[in-house]
Amino acid sequence: MTSRRPPSRQSDRRADNELLFKGILIALIGLGVLLSPYFIESPGMQGIVSHASVVGWFALVLGAAFIVLYLVRRARRPQ
């Protein structure tokens, strides 16, 4: 039998920081996908990337959700 210990504050902070990092990274990827058609000169590539706008919006919303989750966890954390 293994006994389960409650997670320590340090591991909670590490998990929260990883969540923030992932949220920022995913949101930046989403912004990159959404903004890249304006900077691509080739019309063929522009069309291909502009069709991926749904993926860009999904990544942006997912990244924002991770950031909001980080802020909620941080607000609930005892000082």
PDB file of N, CA and C in Angstrom:
ATOM      1  N   MET A   1       0.836  -1.186   0.000  1.00  0.00           N
ATOM      2  CA  MET A   1       0.000   0.000   0.000  1.00  0.00           C
ATOM      3  C   MET A   1       0.874   1.240   0.000  1.00  0.00           C
ATOM      4  N   THR A   2       0.482   2.187  -0.784  1.00  0.00           N
ATOM      5  CA  THR A   2       1.193   3.460  -0.791  1.00  0.00           C
ATOM      6  C   THR A   2       0.299   4.514  -0.184  1.00  0.00           C
ATOM      7  N   SER A   3       0.892   5.325   0.624  1.00  0.00           N
ATOM      8  CA  SER A   3       0.124   6.412   1.220  1.00  0.00           C
ATOM      9  C   SER A   3       0.257   7.640   0.342  1.00  0.00           C
ATOM     10  N   ARG A   4      -0.831   8.346   0.202  1.00  0.00           N
ATOM     11  CA  ARG A   4      -0.810   9.546  -0.626  1.00  0.00           C
ATOM     12  C   ARG A   4      -0.669  10.765   0.272  1.00  0.00           C
ATOM     13  N   ARG A   5       0.327  11.556  -0.065  1.00  0.00           N
ATOM     14  CA  ARG A   5       0.520  12.806   0.655  1.00  0.00           C
ATOM     15  C   ARG A   5      -0.158  13.928  -0.115  1.00  0.00           C
ATOM     16  N   PRO A   6      -0.665  14.921   0.593  1.00  0.00           N
ATOM     17  CA  PRO A   6      -1.228  16.064  -0.129  1.00  0.00           C
ATOM     18  C   PRO A   6      -0.107  16.799  -0.863  1.00  0.00           C
ATOM     19  N   PRO A   7      -0.409  17.379  -2.021  1.00  0.00           N
ATOM     20  CA  PRO A   7       0.638  18.067  -2.770  1.00  0.00           C
ATOM     21  C   PRO A   7       1.200  19.252  -1.978  1.00  0.00           C
ATOM     22  N   SER A   8       2.477  19.456  -2.107  1.00  0.00           N
ATOM     23  CA  SER A   8       3.110  20.547  -1.373  1.00  0.00           C
ATOM     24  C   SER A   8       2.863  21.862  -2.089  1.00  0.00           C
ATOM     25  N   ARG A   9       3.114  22.938  -1.383  1.00  0.00           N
ATOM     26  CA  ARG A   9       2.928  24.261  -1.979  1.00  0.00           C
ATOM     27  C   ARG A   9       3.890  24.485  -3.128  1.00  0.00           C
ATOM     28  N   GLN A  10       5.093  23.941  -3.002  1.00  0.00           N
ATOM     29  CA  GLN A  10       6.076  24.120  -4.056  1.00  0.00           C
ATOM     30  C   GLN A  10       5.631  23.408  -5.337  1.00  0.00           C
ATOM     31  N   SER A  11       5.101  22.211  -5.197  1.00  0.00           N
ATOM     32  CA  SER A  11       4.638  21.497  -6.391  1.00  0.00           C
ATOM     33  C   SER A  11       3.398  22.170  -6.982  1.00  0.00           C
ATOM     34  N   ASP A  12       2.551  22.754  -6.124  1.00  0.00           N
ATOM     35  CA  ASP A  12       1.398  23.504  -6.622  1.00  0.00           C
ATOM     36  C   ASP A  12       1.855  24.717  -7.429  1.00  0.00           C
ATOM     37  N   ARG A  13       2.842  25.427  -6.915  1.00  0.00           N
ATOM     38  CA  ARG A  13       3.355  26.601  -7.624  1.00  0.00           C
ATOM     39  C   ARG A  13       3.998  26.198  -8.946  1.00  0.00           C
ATOM     40  N   ARG A  14       4.729  25.096  -8.935  1.00  0.00           N
ATOM     41  CA  ARG A  14       5.373  24.629 -10.158  1.00  0.00           C
ATOM     42  C   ARG A  14       4.312  24.278 -11.211  1.00  0.00           C
ATOM     43  N   ALA A  15       3.250  23.589 -10.773  1.00  0.00           N
ATOM     44  CA  ALA A  15       2.172  23.231 -11.707  1.00  0.00           C
ATOM     45  C   ALA A  15       1.466  24.479 -12.225  1.00  0.00           C
ATOM     46  N   ASP A  16       1.259  25.461 -11.348  1.00  0.00           N
ATOM     47  CA  ASP A  16       0.627  26.702 -11.780  1.00  0.00           C
ATOM     48  C   ASP A  16       1.506  27.456 -12.770  1.00  0.00           C
ATOM     49  N   ASN A  17       2.805  27.492 -12.522  1.00  0.00           N
ATOM     50  CA  ASN A  17       3.716  28.177 -13.440  1.00  0.00           C
ATOM     51  C   ASN A  17       3.770  27.476 -14.796  1.00  0.00           C
ATOM     52  N   GLU A  18       3.722  26.152 -14.787  1.00  0.00           N
ATOM     53  CA  GLU A  18       3.686  25.412 -16.055  1.00  0.00           C
ATOM     54  C   GLU A  18       2.394  25.696 -16.809  1.00  0.00           C
ATOM     55  N   LEU A  19       1.301  25.822 -16.083  1.00  0.00           N
ATOM     56  CA  LEU A  19       0.014  26.141 -16.706  1.00  0.00           C
ATOM     57  C   LEU A  19       0.072  27.526 -17.358  1.00  0.00           C
ATOM     58  N   LEU A  20       0.670  28.489 -16.673  1.00  0.00           N
ATOM     59  CA  LEU A  20       0.814  29.826 -17.234  1.00  0.00           C
ATOM     60  C   LEU A  20       1.704  29.795 -18.468  1.00  0.00           C
ATOM     61  N   PHE A  21       2.808  29.072 -18.407  1.00  0.00           N
ATOM     62  CA  PHE A  21       3.721  28.977 -19.544  1.00  0.00           C
ATOM     63  C   PHE A  21       3.017  28.363 -20.755  1.00  0.00           C
ATOM     64  N   LYS A  22       2.279  27.283 -20.522  1.00  0.00           N
ATOM     65  CA  LYS A  22       1.553  26.631 -21.618  1.00  0.00           C
ATOM     66  C   LYS A  22       0.485  27.562 -22.191  1.00  0.00           C
ATOM     67  N   GLY A  23      -0.203  28.283 -21.313  1.00  0.00           N
ATOM     68  CA  GLY A  23      -1.236  29.203 -21.785  1.00  0.00           C
ATOM     69  C   GLY A  23      -0.669  30.304 -22.661  1.00  0.00           C
ATOM     70  N   ILE A  24       0.439  30.887 -22.237  1.00  0.00           N
ATOM     71  CA  ILE A  24       1.064  31.947 -23.030  1.00  0.00           C
ATOM     72  C   ILE A  24       1.565  31.393 -24.355  1.00  0.00           C
ATOM     73  N   LEU A  25       2.206  30.239 -24.312  1.00  0.00           N
ATOM     74  CA  LEU A  25       2.757  29.641 -25.529  1.00  0.00           C
ATOM     75  C   LEU A  25       1.649  29.292 -26.523  1.00  0.00           C
ATOM     76  N   ILE A  26       0.577  28.687 -26.063  1.00  0.00           N
ATOM     77  CA  ILE A  26      -0.526  28.312 -26.958  1.00  0.00           C
ATOM     78  C   ILE A  26      -1.204  29.553 -27.522  1.00  0.00           C
ATOM     79  N   ALA A  27      -1.380  30.587 -26.689  1.00  0.00           N
ATOM     80  CA  ALA A  27      -1.988  31.826 -27.175  1.00  0.00           C
ATOM     81  C   ALA A  27      -1.105  32.488 -28.232  1.00  0.00           C
ATOM     82  N   LEU A  28       0.207  32.462 -28.040  1.00  0.00           N
ATOM     83  CA  LEU A  28       1.110  33.033 -29.046  1.00  0.00           C
ATOM     84  C   LEU A  28       1.073  32.249 -30.354  1.00  0.00           C
ATOM     85  N   ILE A  29       0.962  30.935 -30.259  1.00  0.00           N
ATOM     86  CA  ILE A  29       0.835  30.117 -31.468  1.00  0.00           C
ATOM     87  C   ILE A  29      -0.460  30.471 -32.196  1.00  0.00           C
ATOM     88  N   GLY A  30      -1.533  30.621 -31.455  1.00  0.00           N
ATOM     89  CA  GLY A  30      -2.806  31.005 -32.066  1.00  0.00           C
ATOM     90  C   GLY A  30      -2.724  32.363 -32.748  1.00  0.00           C
ATOM     91  N   LEU A  31      -2.088  33.330 -32.085  1.00  0.00           N
ATOM     92  CA  LEU A  31      -1.900  34.642 -32.706  1.00  0.00           C
ATOM     93  C   LEU A  31      -1.043  34.541 -33.958  1.00  0.00           C
ATOM     94  N   GLY A  32      -0.018  33.712 -33.896  1.00  0.00           N
ATOM     95  CA  GLY A  32       0.840  33.518 -35.061  1.00  0.00           C
ATOM     96  C   GLY A  32       0.076  32.960 -36.245  1.00  0.00           C
ATOM     97  N   VAL A  33      -0.789  31.996 -35.990  1.00  0.00           N
ATOM     98  CA  VAL A  33      -1.586  31.398 -37.068  1.00  0.00           C
ATOM     99  C   VAL A  33      -2.580  32.417 -37.625  1.00  0.00           C
ATOM    100  N   LEU A  34      -3.163  33.230 -36.750  1.00  0.00           N
ATOM    101  CA  LEU A  34      -4.147  34.206 -37.215  1.00  0.00           C
ATOM    102  C   LEU A  34      -3.516  35.377 -37.959  1.00  0.00           C
ATOM    103  N   LEU A  35      -2.325  35.797 -37.543  1.00  0.00           N
ATOM    104  CA  LEU A  35      -1.696  36.969 -38.146  1.00  0.00           C
ATOM    105  C   LEU A  35      -0.777  36.649 -39.317  1.00  0.00           C
ATOM    106  N   SER A  36      -0.338  35.419 -39.436  1.00  0.00           N
ATOM    107  CA  SER A  36       0.638  35.079 -40.477  1.00  0.00           C
ATOM    108  C   SER A  36       0.149  35.302 -41.909  1.00  0.00           C
ATOM    109  N   PRO A  37      -1.142  35.140 -42.255  1.00  0.00           N
ATOM    110  CA  PRO A  37      -1.542  35.399 -43.645  1.00  0.00           C
ATOM    111  C   PRO A  37      -1.267  36.832 -44.097  1.00  0.00           C
ATOM    112  N   TYR A  38      -1.218  37.774 -43.174  1.00  0.00           N
ATOM    113  CA  TYR A  38      -0.971  39.166 -43.535  1.00  0.00           C
ATOM    114  C   TYR A  38       0.498  39.428 -43.866  1.00  0.00           C
ATOM    115  N   PHE A  39       1.386  38.533 -43.454  1.00  0.00           N
ATOM    116  CA  PHE A  39       2.812  38.731 -43.674  1.00  0.00           C
ATOM    117  C   PHE A  39       3.394  37.792 -44.732  1.00  0.00           C
ATOM    118  N   ILE A  40       2.612  36.827 -45.187  1.00  0.00           N
ATOM    119  CA  ILE A  40       3.082  35.894 -46.211  1.00  0.00           C
ATOM    120  C   ILE A  40       2.838  36.526 -47.581  1.00  0.00           C
ATOM    121  N   GLU A  41       3.856  36.527 -48.427  1.00  0.00           N
ATOM    122  CA  GLU A  41       3.741  37.172 -49.733  1.00  0.00           C
ATOM    123  C   GLU A  41       3.144  36.251 -50.795  1.00  0.00           C
ATOM    124  N   SER A  42       3.352  34.962 -50.691  1.00  0.00           N
ATOM    125  CA  SER A  42       2.860  34.014 -51.693  1.00  0.00           C
ATOM    126  C   SER A  42       1.347  33.839 -51.557  1.00  0.00           C
ATOM    127  N   PRO A  43       0.600  34.110 -52.617  1.00  0.00           N
ATOM    128  CA  PRO A  43      -0.862  33.960 -52.527  1.00  0.00           C
ATOM    129  C   PRO A  43      -1.307  32.528 -52.232  1.00  0.00           C
ATOM    130  N   GLY A  44      -0.563  31.543 -52.745  1.00  0.00           N
ATOM    131  CA  GLY A  44      -0.924  30.154 -52.481  1.00  0.00           C
ATOM    132  C   GLY A  44      -0.783  29.807 -51.011  1.00  0.00           C
ATOM    133  N   MET A  45       0.328  30.187 -50.424  1.00  0.00           N
ATOM    134  CA  MET A  45       0.546  29.922 -48.993  1.00  0.00           C
ATOM    135  C   MET A  45      -0.405  30.745 -48.138  1.00  0.00           C
ATOM    136  N   GLN A  46      -0.700  31.958 -48.594  1.00  0.00           N
ATOM    137  CA  GLN A  46      -1.636  32.808 -47.867  1.00  0.00           C
ATOM    138  C   GLN A  46      -3.001  32.124 -47.752  1.00  0.00           C
ATOM    139  N   GLY A  47      -3.446  31.529 -48.847  1.00  0.00           N
ATOM    140  CA  GLY A  47      -4.729  30.836 -48.836  1.00  0.00           C
ATOM    141  C   GLY A  47      -4.730  29.624 -47.936  1.00  0.00           C
ATOM    142  N   ILE A  48      -3.625  28.875 -47.971  1.00  0.00           N
ATOM    143  CA  ILE A  48      -3.528  27.682 -47.127  1.00  0.00           C
ATOM    144  C   ILE A  48      -3.568  28.059 -45.647  1.00  0.00           C
ATOM    145  N   VAL A  49      -2.797  29.062 -45.278  1.00  0.00           N
ATOM    146  CA  VAL A  49      -2.721  29.452 -43.869  1.00  0.00           C
ATOM    147  C   VAL A  49      -4.017  30.124 -43.425  1.00  0.00           C
ATOM    148  N   SER A  50      -4.658  30.874 -44.315  1.00  0.00           N
ATOM    149  CA  SER A  50      -5.905  31.536 -43.913  1.00  0.00           C
ATOM    150  C   SER A  50      -7.022  30.519 -43.663  1.00  0.00           C
ATOM    151  N   HIS A  51      -6.936  29.340 -44.283  1.00  0.00           N
ATOM    152  CA  HIS A  51      -7.927  28.290 -44.020  1.00  0.00           C
ATOM    153  C   HIS A  51      -7.724  27.657 -42.646  1.00  0.00           C
ATOM    154  N   ALA A  52      -6.603  27.913 -42.033  1.00  0.00           N
ATOM    155  CA  ALA A  52      -6.323  27.367 -40.701  1.00  0.00           C
ATOM    156  C   ALA A  52      -6.740  28.335 -39.596  1.00  0.00           C
ATOM    157  N   SER A  53      -7.562  29.319 -39.929  1.00  0.00           N
ATOM    158  CA  SER A  53      -7.947  30.311 -38.924  1.00  0.00           C
ATOM    159  C   SER A  53      -8.745  29.689 -37.777  1.00  0.00           C
ATOM    160  N   VAL A  54      -9.483  28.635 -38.047  1.00  0.00           N
ATOM    161  CA  VAL A  54     -10.236  27.967 -36.976  1.00  0.00           C
ATOM    162  C   VAL A  54      -9.270  27.401 -35.940  1.00  0.00           C
ATOM    163  N   VAL A  55      -8.179  26.835 -36.417  1.00  0.00           N
ATOM    164  CA  VAL A  55      -7.162  26.302 -35.506  1.00  0.00           C
ATOM    165  C   VAL A  55      -6.537  27.432 -34.704  1.00  0.00           C
ATOM    166  N   GLY A  56      -6.287  28.560 -35.355  1.00  0.00           N
ATOM    167  CA  GLY A  56      -5.722  29.708 -34.658  1.00  0.00           C
ATOM    168  C   GLY A  56      -6.634  30.230 -33.566  1.00  0.00           C
ATOM    169  N   TRP A  57      -7.927  30.337 -33.882  1.00  0.00           N
ATOM    170  CA  TRP A  57      -8.883  30.798 -32.864  1.00  0.00           C
ATOM    171  C   TRP A  57      -8.989  29.806 -31.714  1.00  0.00           C
ATOM    172  N   PHE A  58      -8.978  28.511 -32.039  1.00  0.00           N
ATOM    173  CA  PHE A  58      -9.032  27.495 -30.989  1.00  0.00           C
ATOM    174  C   PHE A  58      -7.822  27.613 -30.067  1.00  0.00           C
ATOM    175  N   ALA A  59      -6.642  27.765 -30.647  1.00  0.00           N
ATOM    176  CA  ALA A  59      -5.426  27.884 -29.843  1.00  0.00           C
ATOM    177  C   ALA A  59      -5.463  29.154 -28.995  1.00  0.00           C
ATOM    178  N   LEU A  60      -5.946  30.232 -29.558  1.00  0.00           N
ATOM    179  CA  LEU A  60      -6.023  31.487 -28.805  1.00  0.00           C
ATOM    180  C   LEU A  60      -6.985  31.365 -27.626  1.00  0.00           C
ATOM    181  N   VAL A  61      -8.135  30.765 -27.851  1.00  0.00           N
ATOM    182  CA  VAL A  61      -9.122  30.590 -26.772  1.00  0.00           C
ATOM    183  C   VAL A  61      -8.602  29.606 -25.724  1.00  0.00           C
ATOM    184  N   LEU A  62      -7.974  28.528 -26.159  1.00  0.00           N
ATOM    185  CA  LEU A  62      -7.427  27.561 -25.212  1.00  0.00           C
ATOM    186  C   LEU A  62      -6.321  28.185 -24.367  1.00  0.00           C
ATOM    187  N   GLY A  63      -5.437  28.945 -24.994  1.00  0.00           N
ATOM    188  CA  GLY A  63      -4.381  29.631 -24.248  1.00  0.00           C
ATOM    189  C   GLY A  63      -4.954  30.616 -23.244  1.00  0.00           C
ATOM    190  N   ALA A  64      -5.978  31.366 -23.658  1.00  0.00           N
ATOM    191  CA  ALA A  64      -6.619  32.309 -22.743  1.00  0.00           C
ATOM    192  C   ALA A  64      -7.284  31.577 -21.580  1.00  0.00           C
ATOM    193  N   ALA A  65      -7.872  30.421 -21.845  1.00  0.00           N
ATOM    194  CA  ALA A  65      -8.503  29.633 -20.776  1.00  0.00           C
ATOM    195  C   ALA A  65      -7.455  29.154 -19.774  1.00  0.00           C
ATOM    196  N   PHE A  66      -6.294  28.727 -20.264  1.00  0.00           N
ATOM    197  CA  PHE A  66      -5.224  28.311 -19.358  1.00  0.00           C
ATOM    198  C   PHE A  66      -4.749  29.478 -18.503  1.00  0.00           C
ATOM    199  N   ILE A  67      -4.636  30.649 -19.101  1.00  0.00           N
ATOM    200  CA  ILE A  67      -4.188  31.823 -18.346  1.00  0.00           C
ATOM    201  C   ILE A  67      -5.222  32.200 -17.289  1.00  0.00           C
ATOM    202  N   VAL A  68      -6.503  32.150 -17.644  1.00  0.00           N
ATOM    203  CA  VAL A  68      -7.562  32.444 -16.671  1.00  0.00           C
ATOM    204  C   VAL A  68      -7.551  31.409 -15.550  1.00  0.00           C
ATOM    205  N   LEU A  69      -7.357  30.149 -15.888  1.00  0.00           N
ATOM    206  CA  LEU A  69      -7.280  29.104 -14.871  1.00  0.00           C
ATOM    207  C   LEU A  69      -6.108  29.349 -13.924  1.00  0.00           C
ATOM    208  N   TYR A  70      -4.980  29.777 -14.479  1.00  0.00           N
ATOM    209  CA  TYR A  70      -3.824  30.124 -13.641  1.00  0.00           C
ATOM    210  C   TYR A  70      -4.185  31.259 -12.677  1.00  0.00           C
ATOM    211  N   LEU A  71      -4.844  32.289 -13.193  1.00  0.00           N
ATOM    212  CA  LEU A  71      -5.208  33.424 -12.336  1.00  0.00           C
ATOM    213  C   LEU A  71      -6.195  33.021 -11.246  1.00  0.00           C
ATOM    214  N   VAL A  72      -7.135  32.132 -11.559  1.00  0.00           N
ATOM    215  CA  VAL A  72      -8.094  31.647 -10.565  1.00  0.00           C
ATOM    216  C   VAL A  72      -7.368  30.848  -9.494  1.00  0.00           C
ATOM    217  N   ARG A  73      -6.475  29.958  -9.918  1.00  0.00           N
ATOM    218  CA  ARG A  73      -5.715  29.169  -8.940  1.00  0.00           C
ATOM    219  C   ARG A  73      -4.859  30.062  -8.053  1.00  0.00           C
ATOM    220  N   ARG A  74      -4.262  31.072  -8.652  1.00  0.00           N
ATOM    221  CA  ARG A  74      -3.403  31.975  -7.885  1.00  0.00           C
ATOM    222  C   ARG A  74      -4.215  32.781  -6.881  1.00  0.00           C
ATOM    223  N   ALA A  75      -5.428  33.183  -7.264  1.00  0.00           N
ATOM    224  CA  ALA A  75      -6.280  33.936  -6.349  1.00  0.00           C
ATOM    225  C   ALA A  75      -6.766  33.077  -5.182  1.00  0.00           C
ATOM    226  N   ARG A  76      -6.958  31.785  -5.421  1.00  0.00           N
ATOM    227  CA  ARG A  76      -7.448  30.893  -4.370  1.00  0.00           C
ATOM    228  C   ARG A  76      -6.339  30.353  -3.465  1.00  0.00           C
ATOM    229  N   ARG A  77      -5.093  30.530  -3.898  1.00  0.00           N
ATOM    230  CA  ARG A  77      -3.971  29.985  -3.132  1.00  0.00           C
ATOM    231  C   ARG A  77      -3.816  30.751  -1.822  1.00  0.00           C
ATOM    232  N   PRO A  78      -3.676  30.031  -0.719  1.00  0.00           N
ATOM    233  CA  PRO A  78      -3.456  30.729   0.558  1.00  0.00           C
ATOM    234  C   PRO A  78      -2.088  31.409   0.566  1.00  0.00           C
ATOM    235  N   GLN A  79      -2.064  32.542   1.153  1.00  0.00           N
ATOM    236  CA  GLN A  79      -0.811  33.321   1.184  1.00  0.00           C
ATOM    237  C   GLN A  79       0.134  32.861   2.254  1.00  0.00           C
TER     238      GLN A  79
END
